[in-house]
C-alpha cells in the first residue's frame, strides 16, 4: 500500500486517511483504484465494525481529483470514461461497505472529495470546513451516480446552486441544506466522531448491514413496487439469526449483548 491513502484498524474501527497534505489530499487516478481495494478489504474484515474516512492534517478532507492527472487520464471523452470507471468504482465501493461509514471533515471538501463524502453514511464537519463542486469552472460534468447522491442529500434546488454557481459554502450552510449532518468546533470533532464510532462497534452487524440494504431499496424504489420475494422478506431476516437470540437473551439477563454477525 502506498502512503497516499492510509488504513489503520483498531478496536473495531478502521480509519482511512487521505494522505497528501501538500496537495490538499487530492486523489490520483491510482488513488481511486487503491481506495476501491481498501474499501473492499474493510468490508470483508469481520473485525471491522465502523469505518471513518478523513484527511491528513487540518487543511483538507480532500480537494478531490488531482487535476495533474487530466493530461494523462482525462483528456478527451474516451479517456474520461476510463477515469470515471476508476472514480465511480471507488465511490461505489465506499457506498457498498456493509458497515456504518463516517466522513470526518476538516478544511476543504471539494469536488471529488465532496462527492466521496456523500458516499458515506454520515458526514461530521469541523466549523471551518468548506464545500464546493466547482465543475462549471472546468467545463466538466458530474456523473449520474454522483448527481443522485447529491440530490438525495440536498434536493434539486440546492444541488443546482452548488453545481451551477461553483461557489464554496461554509460548514453552517452545508449543515443547513443537509450536505453534512453535524458541525462541531475543530478541537471537538475527533473526540465526537470516534466516540460515536466506539458506541456503534458493539451494535448488531446484521442490523447495520441490512438497514443499509433496506434504505437503498427504499431510495431506489420509493413506491416499493414489485419487490422481489427476498426484498419483501428482508425486514424479517434477523429473526432467524443467532444474534437475535443473543440480543433477546442479553436484554432479559440485563447484560451487554455479544453479537457475532450471524
Foldseek 3Di string as FASTA:
>chain_A
DDPQWDWDDDQQEIEIEREDVVQQSEAELVRLQVLLVVLVVLLPDLSHAEYEQAYPDQAWRYQYHDCVCCVPQNPDDVSVVVSVCSLVSNLVSLLLRLHAYEYEIGHEQEASSLLSRLSGPAYEYEQFHKYANQVVVVVDDDDPVSLLSVCVQQNDVVVCCRHVVRDMDGPVVCCVRRSHPYYDHPVCRVVVVVVVSSVRSQDASLVSRLVSVLVVCCSVCVVNPPDDPCNVCSVVVCVPDPQVVQVVVCVVVVHRGRHSND
